[in-house]
């Protein structure tokens, strides 16, 4: 069924969402706050409308689970075979601070595993995408990109807005002979940096939601790397459509 989807259509939808986000980005806008104190803007809502409308027009119809969409009970979604998992504006804090490090995330999940993903950064006009067994790409270039064969530092991606003590402890415990270099980044671009080959590892020992990772997780898989849940020093499969949509802690890297 996934073969009936043209990835170009999903990329186009993501870029359309990026366009409406940028209209708000260049204005003075109000910032509201959800119950969990995370920020919410008109851009989040407008981008969600564009994505849901775009997906509804595709020839293949799947349910939609979006951060800014209607709330759907586990009883209703637990038997879904395929569904769209969306974060219309991942990195709203980065959007509000206007540093450009936010993305549009659209993933297709099969049962509990991402099989297609598009991550679009509107300010950077950079798009990552992947489809099961068809590879991962950045603006048409296959991932991972060719980088220096022997980098002098061990590059670790960390959140610009959500660094935690647990994550710092994980970083301190990494055993490497190279100097550790931290790269601060917002949104799902952190995962994409590992897929691209510009970073070795991204540990996230703090709270995220399924829609924060689904699209970029597909890109990581198709780039030949891993995103795995991490608990008590052990790795396990990172799964989706759980009863609680809060992600387990996870680590992104080459060998996990």
Protein backbone atom coordinates (compact mmCIF):
# COMPACT_ATOMS: atom_id res chain seq x y z
CA UNK A 1 0.00 0.00 0.00
CA UNK A 2 2.88 2.35 0.71
CA UNK A 3 3.97 1.95 -2.93
CA UNK A 4 0.82 3.83 -3.94
CA UNK A 5 2.19 6.97 -2.27
CA UNK A 6 4.37 9.33 -4.28
CA UNK A 7 6.90 10.83 -1.87
CA UNK A 8 6.89 13.98 -4.03
CA UNK A 9 3.29 14.61 -2.97
CA UNK A 10 4.25 14.48 0.73
CA UNK A 11 7.23 16.76 0.14
CA UNK A 12 4.92 19.22 -1.62
CA UNK A 13 2.47 19.17 1.30
CA UNK A 14 5.31 19.78 3.77
CA UNK A 15 6.58 22.72 1.73
CA UNK A 16 3.06 24.18 1.47
CA UNK A 17 2.88 24.00 5.26
CA UNK A 18 6.29 25.66 5.43
CA UNK A 19 4.99 28.53 3.30
CA UNK A 20 2.10 29.31 5.67
CA UNK A 21 4.47 29.05 8.63
CA UNK A 22 6.80 31.60 7.06
CA UNK A 23 3.92 34.06 6.57
CA UNK A 24 3.44 34.10 10.34
CA UNK A 25 7.19 33.98 11.03
CA UNK A 26 7.73 37.32 9.29
CA UNK A 27 4.97 39.03 11.27
CA UNK A 28 4.48 40.02 14.88
CA UNK A 29 2.55 37.08 16.31
CA UNK A 30 0.96 36.11 19.60
CA UNK A 31 2.20 33.11 21.56
CA UNK A 32 -0.27 31.03 23.53
CA UNK A 33 0.54 28.12 25.84
CA UNK A 34 -0.89 24.62 26.15
CA UNK A 35 -1.56 22.83 29.41
CA UNK A 36 2.01 21.50 29.44
CA UNK A 37 3.33 25.08 29.03
CA UNK A 38 4.62 24.39 25.52
CA UNK A 39 4.12 27.36 23.16
CA UNK A 40 1.44 27.49 20.46
CA UNK A 41 1.14 29.99 17.61
CA UNK A 42 -1.11 30.63 14.63
CA UNK A 43 1.61 29.02 12.49
CA UNK A 44 1.12 25.65 14.25
CA UNK A 45 -2.61 25.74 13.55
CA UNK A 46 -2.36 26.97 9.95
CA UNK A 47 0.32 24.42 9.05
CA UNK A 48 -1.79 21.62 10.53
CA UNK A 49 -4.77 22.64 8.38
CA UNK A 50 -2.62 22.63 5.23
CA UNK A 51 -1.16 19.19 5.99
CA UNK A 52 -4.43 17.52 6.93
CA UNK A 53 -6.19 18.97 3.87
CA UNK A 54 -3.33 17.86 1.62
CA UNK A 55 -3.26 14.32 2.98
CA UNK A 56 -7.04 14.04 2.68
CA UNK A 57 -6.75 14.70 -1.08
CA UNK A 58 -4.35 11.80 -1.70
CA UNK A 59 -5.63 8.72 -3.49
CA UNK A 60 -4.70 6.60 -0.47
CA UNK A 61 -6.59 7.44 2.72
CA UNK A 62 -5.13 6.85 6.19
CA UNK A 63 -6.12 8.16 9.63
CA UNK A 64 -4.22 11.21 10.88
CA UNK A 65 -2.66 11.65 14.32
CA UNK A 66 -1.34 15.18 14.73
CA UNK A 67 -0.05 17.20 17.65
CA UNK A 68 -2.42 20.00 16.68
CA UNK A 69 -5.27 17.81 15.40
CA UNK A 70 -8.20 16.25 17.20
CA UNK A 71 -7.43 14.02 20.16
CA UNK A 72 -7.94 10.34 19.34
CA UNK A 73 -8.38 7.69 22.03
CA UNK A 74 -6.17 4.63 22.16
CA UNK A 75 -9.26 2.45 21.74
CA UNK A 76 -9.94 4.13 18.40
CA UNK A 77 -6.37 3.95 17.08
CA UNK A 78 -4.93 0.77 18.61
CA UNK A 79 -5.81 -1.41 15.60
CA UNK A 80 -4.67 1.02 12.90
CA UNK A 81 -2.41 -0.65 10.34
CA UNK A 82 -1.25 2.59 8.71
CA UNK A 83 -1.59 6.18 9.91
CA UNK A 84 -0.08 9.60 9.34
CA UNK A 85 1.85 11.00 12.31
CA UNK A 86 2.31 14.77 12.11
CA UNK A 87 4.02 17.60 13.90
CA UNK A 88 3.07 20.64 11.81
CA UNK A 89 5.67 22.82 13.54
CA UNK A 90 8.35 20.95 15.45
CA UNK A 91 10.46 23.34 17.49
CA UNK A 92 7.95 26.06 18.32
CA UNK A 93 10.41 27.48 20.86
CA UNK A 94 12.91 27.89 18.02
CA UNK A 95 10.15 29.48 15.91
CA UNK A 96 9.33 31.97 18.67
CA UNK A 97 13.01 32.85 19.18
CA UNK A 98 13.37 33.15 15.36
CA UNK A 99 16.56 31.11 15.03
CA UNK A 100 15.26 29.12 12.04
CA UNK A 101 15.74 25.68 13.60
CA UNK A 102 12.20 24.36 13.30
CA UNK A 103 10.65 21.81 10.95
CA UNK A 104 7.51 20.36 9.46
CA UNK A 105 7.34 16.63 10.26
CA UNK A 106 5.15 14.17 8.32
CA UNK A 107 5.54 10.42 8.92
CA UNK A 108 3.65 7.35 7.80
CA UNK A 109 3.59 4.64 10.46
CA UNK A 110 2.90 0.98 9.76
CA UNK A 111 1.58 -0.52 13.02
CA UNK A 112 4.46 0.62 15.28
CA UNK A 113 7.23 1.46 12.78
CA UNK A 114 7.90 4.51 10.54
CA UNK A 115 7.95 3.59 6.84
CA UNK A 116 7.98 7.06 5.28
CA UNK A 117 9.10 10.44 6.53
CA UNK A 118 9.51 14.04 5.38
CA UNK A 119 11.26 16.69 7.47
CA UNK A 120 11.22 20.19 6.00
CA UNK A 121 13.00 23.22 7.49
CA UNK A 122 11.31 26.29 5.95
CA UNK A 123 13.88 28.95 6.92
CA UNK A 124 16.75 26.80 5.65
CA UNK A 125 14.66 25.59 2.68
CA UNK A 126 16.12 22.16 3.37
CA UNK A 127 14.14 18.94 2.98
CA UNK A 128 14.97 15.44 4.19
CA UNK A 129 12.88 12.47 3.14
CA UNK A 130 12.85 8.68 3.18
CA UNK A 131 10.65 5.78 2.15
CA UNK A 132 10.99 2.16 3.21
CA UNK A 133 13.62 0.32 1.13
CA UNK A 134 14.13 3.36 -1.14
CA UNK A 135 16.80 5.22 0.81
CA UNK A 136 17.04 8.55 2.62
CA UNK A 137 17.78 11.89 0.98
CA UNK A 138 18.58 15.52 1.71
CA UNK A 139 17.47 17.81 -1.12
CA UNK A 140 17.92 14.92 -3.55
CA UNK A 141 21.33 13.78 -2.27
CA UNK A 142 21.44 10.25 -0.87
CA UNK A 143 22.24 9.92 2.83
CA UNK A 144 24.61 9.65 4.49
CA UNK A 145 26.52 12.34 2.65
CA UNK A 146 30.23 11.97 2.02
CA UNK A 147 32.03 13.57 4.93
CA UNK A 148 35.58 13.59 6.21
CA UNK A 149 36.69 10.00 6.79
CA UNK A 150 38.55 10.67 10.04
CA UNK A 151 37.01 13.64 11.86
CA UNK A 152 39.18 14.97 14.66
CA UNK A 153 36.28 15.20 17.11
CA UNK A 154 33.42 12.96 18.25
CA UNK A 155 30.35 15.02 17.36
CA UNK A 156 27.38 14.86 19.74
CA UNK A 157 24.09 16.58 18.96
CA UNK A 158 22.23 18.13 21.87
CA UNK A 159 18.99 20.06 22.18
CA UNK A 160 19.25 23.82 22.06
CA UNK A 161 16.23 24.24 24.33
CA UNK A 162 15.86 21.01 26.33
CA UNK A 163 19.23 19.84 27.66
CA UNK A 164 18.85 17.58 30.73
CA UNK A 165 21.19 16.41 33.50
CA UNK A 166 20.57 12.79 32.45
CA UNK A 167 21.64 13.58 28.90
CA UNK A 168 24.77 15.32 30.18
CA UNK A 169 25.63 12.28 32.32
CA UNK A 170 25.23 10.04 29.24
CA UNK A 171 27.56 12.30 27.26
CA UNK A 172 30.14 12.31 30.06
CA UNK A 173 30.13 8.49 30.06
CA UNK A 174 30.76 8.12 26.31
CA UNK A 175 34.05 6.28 25.85
CA UNK A 176 35.99 7.81 22.99
CA UNK A 177 39.63 8.71 22.43
CA UNK A 178 38.56 11.82 20.51
CA UNK A 179 37.65 15.18 21.92
CA UNK A 180 33.87 15.50 22.31
CA UNK A 181 32.26 18.30 20.33
CA UNK A 182 28.70 19.35 21.17
CA UNK A 183 26.44 20.62 18.38
CA UNK A 184 23.36 22.50 19.61
CA UNK A 185 20.34 22.24 17.34
CA UNK A 186 16.56 22.56 17.53
CA UNK A 187 13.70 20.27 16.45
CA UNK A 188 14.07 17.00 14.51
CA UNK A 189 17.05 18.50 12.67
CA UNK A 190 19.12 16.88 15.45
CA UNK A 191 18.16 13.41 14.24
CA UNK A 192 18.73 14.42 10.62
CA UNK A 193 22.29 15.55 11.41
CA UNK A 194 23.13 11.98 12.42
CA UNK A 195 21.41 10.58 9.32
CA UNK A 196 23.39 13.02 7.21
CA UNK A 197 26.70 11.97 8.77
CA UNK A 198 27.48 15.37 10.31
CA UNK A 199 27.23 13.96 13.85
CA UNK A 200 28.02 10.62 15.47
CA UNK A 201 25.31 10.43 18.12
CA UNK A 202 22.27 12.18 19.55
CA UNK A 203 21.19 11.09 23.05
CA UNK A 204 17.80 12.36 24.22
CA UNK A 205 17.24 11.43 27.84
CA UNK A 206 14.29 13.74 28.31
CA UNK A 207 10.64 14.03 27.29
CA UNK A 208 9.54 14.06 23.64
CA UNK A 209 6.37 12.94 21.87
CA UNK A 210 5.91 10.41 19.08
CA UNK A 211 5.24 13.13 16.47
CA UNK A 212 8.59 14.73 17.36
CA UNK A 213 10.52 11.71 16.09
CA UNK A 214 8.42 9.67 13.62
CA UNK A 215 9.43 11.39 10.37
CA UNK A 216 13.12 11.72 11.20
CA UNK A 217 13.16 8.14 12.52
CA UNK A 218 12.24 6.92 9.04
CA UNK A 219 15.14 8.95 7.64
CA UNK A 220 17.55 7.46 10.18
CA UNK A 221 16.46 3.90 9.32
CA UNK A 222 16.93 4.43 5.59
CA UNK A 223 20.32 6.09 6.14
CA UNK A 224 21.53 2.84 7.69
CA UNK A 225 21.64 4.05 11.29
CA UNK A 226 19.54 3.52 14.40
CA UNK A 227 17.13 5.26 16.73
CA UNK A 228 16.49 3.09 19.76
CA UNK A 229 14.80 3.49 23.10
CA UNK A 230 17.21 3.64 26.02
CA UNK A 231 16.49 2.65 29.60
CA UNK A 232 18.76 1.53 32.43
CA UNK A 233 21.72 1.22 30.07
CA UNK A 234 19.86 -1.05 27.63
CA UNK A 235 18.56 -0.44 24.10
CA UNK A 236 15.25 -1.67 22.65
CA UNK A 237 13.04 -1.03 19.63
CA UNK A 238 11.52 2.44 19.61
CA UNK A 239 7.82 1.97 18.82
CA UNK A 240 4.84 4.15 17.92
CA UNK A 241 1.09 4.31 18.53
CA UNK A 242 1.50 3.45 22.20
CA UNK A 243 -1.31 4.07 24.67
CA UNK A 244 0.79 6.94 26.03
CA UNK A 245 2.21 8.97 23.13
CA UNK A 246 5.13 10.16 25.25
CA UNK A 247 8.37 8.74 23.85
CA UNK A 248 10.76 6.62 25.83
CA UNK A 249 14.20 8.15 26.20
CA UNK A 250 16.17 7.37 23.07
CA UNK A 251 19.59 7.49 21.42
CA UNK A 252 20.35 8.02 17.72
CA UNK A 253 23.61 6.68 16.33
CA UNK A 254 25.45 4.26 14.07
CA UNK A 255 26.00 1.27 16.33
CA UNK A 256 23.51 0.83 19.18
